[in-house]
Amino acid sequence: MADPKPFYATTPFAVGGYMLCSATLLISNKYAVYKVAAPSFILFSQLMGTAVVVQAFAAMGKIECDALEADKVKKFLPVALIFLATIFSNMKSLQHANVETFMVFRFSTPLVISIADYLFLGRRLPCPRSWACLVALLVGAVGYALNDSSFEVKGYTFCAIWYCIFCLDQIYLKHVTNTVKMRSNWGRVFYSNFLASLPLVFTLFGNSDEFAALKNISFSAAMAVFISVALGVGMSYFAWMARDLLSAASFTVVGNTCKILTIALNVSLWDKHASPFGIACLLFCLGAAYFYKQAPLRADSKDHDTEGKSLLPK
């Protein structure tokens, strides 16, 4: 019998870390944008800061990280561009809409991604129970939308743009995880963040409003940016690790299960939040996500998988 994996290499560790970082980073980004009206600078700080932290720890021999290689750069460049577009549209959505508005769109994405999993990544379609769970996620999201405390057309437009990019991100990044061999998970973190940070240099120099906002930055605002960078490092590591261990649809559903923590933090920090019925709809969504089971791979798939894997430890 093979030795069991250490806990830090298991799915519960990856899922738990991803859920915690995902919930807190969303609120951290919202607060950072509120304190510093410079979303491009905040995004650049997160991406380049993550790359610098990874290289620093690799130089000290604490972690193993892939060096820059031309072939890997070519394969990760589309990843970086999609990754950048997803995060930037995320932050723009949060700048123009409250967190609850953003969640409506988030909870409906597993339906689309489950079909894309079948079409492009060798998965079977979900079982009837899982389809019911995904439909329940959508029903809960619709109920939540009807009770949104601050409807904003502009905010919904940015959320719709994010929706399309996010679905592409989930499918394509899973494809890269399956096909591009890396020495360690930190290599994926470094490549995706470093390459995605480079185009932002040009957007920073072309934005006089952000430079004006940075001239008068306060200590509390600087700390908000620093915290978002620290959470970004953890988020990127756990996201790539969980993406490697789960299907694209399951990875998306797991991301949704942490959102009740986001709502709890949002209620305590801002006055723009949903009604009790809206919160109940979110709880309904999270309950549906709990009973969702990952669709197994088809017989013709080259990957290996656990049949009907549940997302969270029972």
Protein backbone atom coordinates (compact mmCIF):
# COMPACT_ATOMS: atom_id res chain seq x y z
CA MET A 1 0.00 0.00 0.00
CA ALA A 2 1.30 3.43 -0.96
CA ASP A 3 2.03 5.89 1.81
CA PRO A 4 -0.74 8.43 2.34
CA LYS A 5 -0.15 11.95 1.05
CA PRO A 6 0.86 14.56 3.63
CA PHE A 7 -2.05 16.82 4.53
CA TYR A 8 -0.57 19.82 2.68
CA ALA A 9 -0.81 17.84 -0.59
CA THR A 10 -4.45 16.77 -0.19
CA THR A 11 -7.70 18.08 -1.61
CA PRO A 12 -9.10 19.23 1.79
CA PHE A 13 -6.01 21.40 2.35
CA ALA A 14 -6.26 22.94 -1.14
CA VAL A 15 -10.01 23.45 -0.92
CA GLY A 16 -9.88 24.90 2.60
CA GLY A 17 -7.09 27.32 1.72
CA TYR A 18 -8.81 28.39 -1.47
CA MET A 19 -12.13 28.98 0.28
CA LEU A 20 -10.56 31.08 3.02
CA CYS A 21 -8.45 33.21 0.65
CA SER A 22 -11.26 33.62 -1.87
CA ALA A 23 -13.71 34.90 0.74
CA THR A 24 -11.29 37.32 2.38
CA LEU A 25 -9.62 38.56 -0.81
CA LEU A 26 -12.93 39.68 -2.30
CA ILE A 27 -13.61 41.88 0.71
CA SER A 28 -9.97 43.02 0.84
CA ASN A 29 -10.10 44.15 -2.79
CA LYS A 30 -13.35 45.98 -2.20
CA TYR A 31 -11.85 47.81 0.79
CA ALA A 32 -8.57 48.55 -1.01
CA VAL A 33 -10.41 50.09 -3.99
CA TYR A 34 -12.51 52.09 -1.52
CA LYS A 35 -9.38 53.44 0.23
CA VAL A 36 -7.27 53.91 -2.92
CA ALA A 37 -9.06 54.85 -6.14
CA ALA A 38 -6.40 53.12 -8.23
CA PRO A 39 -7.60 49.64 -9.28
CA SER A 40 -4.80 49.18 -11.85
CA PHE A 41 -2.15 49.90 -9.22
CA ILE A 42 -3.76 47.51 -6.73
CA LEU A 43 -3.93 44.77 -9.34
CA PHE A 44 -0.31 45.35 -10.40
CA SER A 45 0.80 45.24 -6.76
CA GLN A 46 -0.94 41.91 -6.23
CA LEU A 47 0.47 40.28 -9.36
CA MET A 48 4.04 41.58 -9.26
CA GLY A 49 4.11 41.31 -5.47
CA THR A 50 3.17 37.63 -5.69
CA ALA A 51 5.87 36.99 -8.30
CA VAL A 52 8.50 38.75 -6.17
CA VAL A 53 7.52 36.84 -3.02
CA VAL A 54 7.72 33.49 -4.86
CA GLN A 55 11.16 34.28 -6.31
CA ALA A 56 12.43 35.51 -2.93
CA PHE A 57 11.45 32.30 -1.16
CA ALA A 58 12.82 30.22 -4.06
CA ALA A 59 16.15 32.08 -3.81
CA MET A 60 16.27 31.25 -0.08
CA GLY A 61 15.67 27.60 -0.87
CA LYS A 62 12.34 27.49 0.96
CA ILE A 63 10.29 26.49 -2.10
CA GLU A 64 10.89 25.08 -5.57
CA CYS A 65 9.90 27.27 -8.52
CA ASP A 66 10.28 26.82 -12.28
CA ALA A 67 12.70 29.26 -13.93
CA LEU A 68 11.55 31.30 -16.91
CA GLU A 69 11.80 29.20 -20.09
CA ALA A 70 10.75 30.34 -23.57
CA ASP A 71 8.54 27.30 -24.22
CA LYS A 72 6.67 27.63 -20.93
CA VAL A 73 6.32 31.39 -21.38
CA LYS A 74 4.58 30.80 -24.73
CA LYS A 75 2.18 28.31 -23.15
CA PHE A 76 1.44 30.50 -20.13
CA LEU A 77 1.04 33.78 -22.00
CA PRO A 78 -2.65 33.09 -22.89
CA VAL A 79 -3.17 32.00 -19.27
CA ALA A 80 -1.75 35.29 -18.03
CA LEU A 81 -3.91 37.36 -20.38
CA ILE A 82 -7.11 35.53 -19.43
CA PHE A 83 -6.13 35.63 -15.77
CA LEU A 84 -5.50 39.38 -16.02
CA ALA A 85 -8.79 40.03 -17.80
CA THR A 86 -10.70 38.00 -15.19
CA ILE A 87 -9.20 39.81 -12.20
CA PHE A 88 -9.47 43.26 -13.78
CA SER A 89 -13.13 42.76 -14.72
CA ASN A 90 -13.66 41.42 -11.20
CA MET A 91 -12.26 44.57 -9.64
CA LYS A 92 -14.16 46.83 -12.03
CA SER A 93 -17.35 44.97 -11.11
CA LEU A 94 -16.66 45.55 -7.41
CA GLN A 95 -15.92 49.21 -8.12
CA HIS A 96 -19.36 49.76 -9.69
CA ALA A 97 -21.58 47.20 -7.94
CA ASN A 98 -21.99 45.84 -4.44
CA VAL A 99 -20.74 42.37 -3.50
CA GLU A 100 -24.25 40.87 -3.56
CA THR A 101 -24.77 41.92 -7.19
CA PHE A 102 -21.51 40.22 -8.11
CA MET A 103 -22.54 37.01 -6.31
CA VAL A 104 -25.65 36.60 -8.45
CA PHE A 105 -23.51 36.08 -11.50
CA ARG A 106 -20.99 33.90 -9.67
CA PHE A 107 -23.56 31.35 -8.49
CA SER A 108 -24.87 30.61 -11.98
CA THR A 109 -21.50 29.87 -13.64
CA PRO A 110 -21.28 26.13 -12.73
CA LEU A 111 -24.17 25.34 -15.11
CA VAL A 112 -22.23 26.69 -18.09
CA ILE A 113 -18.89 25.28 -16.96
CA SER A 114 -20.31 21.77 -16.42
CA ILE A 115 -21.34 21.65 -20.07
CA ALA A 116 -17.94 23.01 -21.13
CA ASP A 117 -16.29 20.32 -18.96
CA TYR A 118 -18.13 17.71 -21.03
CA LEU A 119 -17.38 19.33 -24.38
CA PHE A 120 -13.71 20.17 -23.90
CA LEU A 121 -12.17 18.42 -20.88
CA GLY A 122 -13.33 14.81 -21.11
CA ARG A 123 -15.83 14.86 -18.24
CA ARG A 124 -19.20 13.16 -18.16
CA LEU A 125 -22.26 15.30 -17.70
CA PRO A 126 -23.32 15.68 -14.05
CA CYS A 127 -25.58 13.04 -12.50
CA PRO A 128 -29.26 13.94 -11.84
CA ARG A 129 -28.49 14.88 -8.24
CA SER A 130 -25.72 17.25 -9.32
CA TRP A 131 -27.90 18.78 -12.06
CA ALA A 132 -30.55 19.42 -9.40
CA CYS A 133 -27.92 21.08 -7.21
CA LEU A 134 -26.75 23.30 -10.07
CA VAL A 135 -30.32 24.31 -10.90
CA ALA A 136 -30.88 25.05 -7.21
CA LEU A 137 -27.84 27.32 -7.33
CA LEU A 138 -29.43 29.23 -10.20
CA VAL A 139 -32.83 29.42 -8.48
CA GLY A 140 -31.22 30.78 -5.34
CA ALA A 141 -29.31 33.34 -7.40
CA VAL A 142 -32.52 34.52 -9.10
CA GLY A 143 -34.22 34.94 -5.71
CA TYR A 144 -31.18 36.81 -4.52
CA ALA A 145 -31.21 39.12 -7.53
CA LEU A 146 -34.84 40.07 -6.89
CA ASN A 147 -33.83 41.26 -3.41
CA ASP A 148 -30.62 43.10 -4.36
CA SER A 149 -30.43 46.16 -2.13
CA SER A 150 -28.94 48.47 -4.78
CA PHE A 151 -29.63 47.66 -8.42
CA GLU A 152 -27.05 49.30 -10.69
CA VAL A 153 -27.26 48.93 -14.46
CA LYS A 154 -23.62 49.88 -14.90
CA GLY A 155 -22.60 47.37 -12.29
CA TYR A 156 -24.55 44.63 -14.02
CA THR A 157 -22.84 45.43 -17.32
CA PHE A 158 -19.39 44.92 -15.81
CA CYS A 159 -20.58 41.72 -14.10
CA ALA A 160 -21.80 40.37 -17.46
CA ILE A 161 -18.39 41.05 -19.01
CA TRP A 162 -16.73 39.30 -16.07
CA TYR A 163 -19.09 36.32 -16.48
CA CYS A 164 -17.95 35.52 -20.02
CA ILE A 165 -14.26 35.92 -19.18
CA PHE A 166 -14.58 33.87 -15.99
CA CYS A 167 -16.11 30.87 -17.77
CA LEU A 168 -13.28 30.92 -20.33
CA ASP A 169 -10.78 31.23 -17.49
CA GLN A 170 -12.08 28.15 -15.67
CA ILE A 171 -11.95 25.91 -18.73
CA TYR A 172 -8.71 27.08 -20.31
CA LEU A 173 -6.69 27.19 -17.09
CA LYS A 174 -7.78 23.65 -16.25
CA HIS A 175 -6.63 22.60 -19.73
CA VAL A 176 -3.21 24.16 -19.12
CA THR A 177 -2.97 22.51 -15.70
CA ASN A 178 -3.54 19.14 -17.37
CA THR A 179 -1.15 19.62 -20.29
CA VAL A 180 1.77 21.86 -19.21
CA LYS A 181 4.16 20.02 -16.90
CA MET A 182 5.69 22.14 -14.13
CA ARG A 183 8.21 21.25 -11.42
CA SER A 184 5.95 22.60 -8.68
CA ASN A 185 2.72 24.45 -8.07
CA TRP A 186 4.76 27.55 -7.25
CA GLY A 187 5.91 27.56 -10.86
CA ARG A 188 2.34 28.06 -12.04
CA VAL A 189 1.89 30.82 -9.47
CA PHE A 190 5.04 32.62 -10.64
CA TYR A 191 4.40 32.33 -14.38
CA SER A 192 0.76 33.41 -14.23
CA ASN A 193 1.35 36.39 -11.93
CA PHE A 194 4.60 37.64 -13.46
CA LEU A 195 3.40 37.49 -17.07
CA ALA A 196 0.03 39.04 -16.18
CA SER A 197 1.68 41.94 -14.35
CA LEU A 198 3.73 43.17 -17.34
CA PRO A 199 0.90 44.77 -19.39
CA LEU A 200 -0.24 46.72 -16.34
CA VAL A 201 2.96 48.79 -16.41
CA PHE A 202 1.60 50.58 -19.50
CA THR A 203 -1.85 51.16 -17.98
CA LEU A 204 -0.27 52.66 -14.87
CA PHE A 205 1.82 55.22 -16.76
CA GLY A 206 -1.18 56.21 -18.86
CA ASN A 207 -3.51 56.89 -15.94
CA SER A 208 -3.02 60.32 -14.36
CA ASP A 209 -6.01 59.85 -12.04
CA GLU A 210 -4.37 56.89 -10.33
CA PHE A 211 -1.09 58.77 -9.88
CA ALA A 212 -3.04 61.60 -8.27
CA ALA A 213 -4.73 59.13 -5.91
CA LEU A 214 -1.37 57.60 -4.95
CA LYS A 215 0.23 60.96 -4.13
CA ASN A 216 -1.99 61.37 -1.08
CA ILE A 217 -2.14 57.74 0.01
CA SER A 218 -2.57 57.30 3.76
CA PHE A 219 -0.98 54.68 5.99
CA SER A 220 -4.27 52.81 6.36
CA ALA A 221 -4.71 52.80 2.58
CA ALA A 222 -1.17 51.47 2.09
CA MET A 223 -1.87 48.71 4.62
CA ALA A 224 -5.06 47.80 2.76
CA VAL A 225 -3.02 47.33 -0.41
CA PHE A 226 -0.35 45.34 1.46
CA ILE A 227 -2.95 42.99 2.94
CA SER A 228 -4.50 42.45 -0.49
CA VAL A 229 -1.05 41.52 -1.84
CA ALA A 230 -0.48 39.01 0.98
CA LEU A 231 -3.88 37.43 0.41
CA GLY A 232 -3.19 37.38 -3.33
CA VAL A 233 -0.14 35.16 -2.78
CA GLY A 234 -2.19 32.62 -0.84
CA MET A 235 -5.12 32.84 -3.23
CA SER A 236 -2.96 32.16 -6.28
CA TYR A 237 -1.21 29.17 -4.67
CA PHE A 238 -4.37 27.48 -3.39
CA ALA A 239 -6.29 28.25 -6.58
CA TRP A 240 -3.73 26.50 -8.79
CA MET A 241 -3.49 23.59 -6.36
CA ALA A 242 -7.25 23.10 -6.18
CA ARG A 243 -7.56 23.52 -9.95
CA ASP A 244 -5.10 20.65 -10.37
CA LEU A 245 -7.06 18.35 -8.04
CA LEU A 246 -10.64 19.15 -9.14
CA SER A 247 -12.61 19.45 -12.36
CA ALA A 248 -13.31 22.94 -13.70
CA ALA A 249 -16.97 22.77 -12.62
CA SER A 250 -16.11 21.44 -9.16
CA PHE A 251 -13.49 24.14 -8.72
CA THR A 252 -16.15 26.73 -9.52
CA VAL A 253 -18.68 25.22 -7.10
CA VAL A 254 -16.08 25.14 -4.32
CA GLY A 255 -15.42 28.81 -4.95
CA ASN A 256 -19.10 29.52 -4.44
CA THR A 257 -19.27 27.71 -1.11
CA CYS A 258 -17.02 30.28 0.54
CA LYS A 259 -19.22 33.24 -0.39
CA ILE A 260 -21.33 33.12 2.76
CA LEU A 261 -18.17 34.26 4.59
CA THR A 262 -17.90 37.13 2.13
CA ILE A 263 -21.49 38.17 2.78
CA ALA A 264 -20.98 38.02 6.56
CA LEU A 265 -17.93 40.27 6.27
CA ASN A 266 -19.71 42.56 3.82
CA VAL A 267 -22.66 43.04 6.17
CA SER A 268 -20.29 44.04 8.97
CA LEU A 269 -18.28 46.51 6.85
CA TRP A 270 -20.79 48.19 4.53
CA ASP A 271 -24.41 49.26 4.71
CA LYS A 272 -25.18 47.96 1.21
CA HIS A 273 -26.35 44.39 1.76
CA ALA A 274 -29.22 42.10 0.92
CA SER A 275 -32.45 41.55 2.84
CA PRO A 276 -32.91 38.53 5.16
CA PHE A 277 -34.69 36.76 2.29
CA GLY A 278 -31.71 37.46 0.05
CA ILE A 279 -29.34 36.01 2.63
CA ALA A 280 -31.60 32.95 2.90
CA CYS A 281 -31.30 32.51 -0.87
CA LEU A 282 -27.52 32.49 -0.53
CA LEU A 283 -27.70 29.86 2.20
CA PHE A 284 -29.92 27.82 -0.11
CA CYS A 285 -27.27 28.13 -2.83
CA LEU A 286 -24.51 27.00 -0.50
CA GLY A 287 -26.57 24.02 0.63
CA ALA A 288 -27.00 22.99 -2.99
CA ALA A 289 -23.25 23.32 -3.54
CA TYR A 290 -22.58 21.03 -0.56
CA PHE A 291 -24.58 18.16 -2.11
CA TYR A 292 -23.02 18.56 -5.55
CA LYS A 293 -20.78 15.67 -6.68
CA GLN A 294 -17.99 16.01 -9.20
CA ALA A 295 -18.71 14.43 -12.59
CA PRO A 296 -16.23 11.60 -13.33
CA LEU A 297 -14.07 11.45 -16.41
CA ARG A 298 -15.32 9.65 -19.51
CA ALA A 299 -13.78 6.30 -20.45
CA ASP A 300 -11.95 7.86 -23.41
CA SER A 301 -10.22 10.49 -21.26
CA LYS A 302 -6.45 10.24 -20.75
CA ASP A 303 -6.57 11.71 -17.24
CA HIS A 304 -7.14 9.83 -14.01
CA ASP A 305 -9.80 10.68 -11.48
CA THR A 306 -11.82 9.51 -8.51
CA GLU A 307 -15.33 8.42 -9.42
CA GLY A 308 -18.06 10.75 -8.14
CA LYS A 309 -15.75 12.68 -5.84
CA SER A 310 -17.52 14.82 -3.25
CA LEU A 311 -16.10 18.31 -3.01
CA LEU A 312 -15.88 18.70 0.75
CA PRO A 313 -14.89 16.19 3.44
CA LYS A 314 -17.90 14.70 5.20
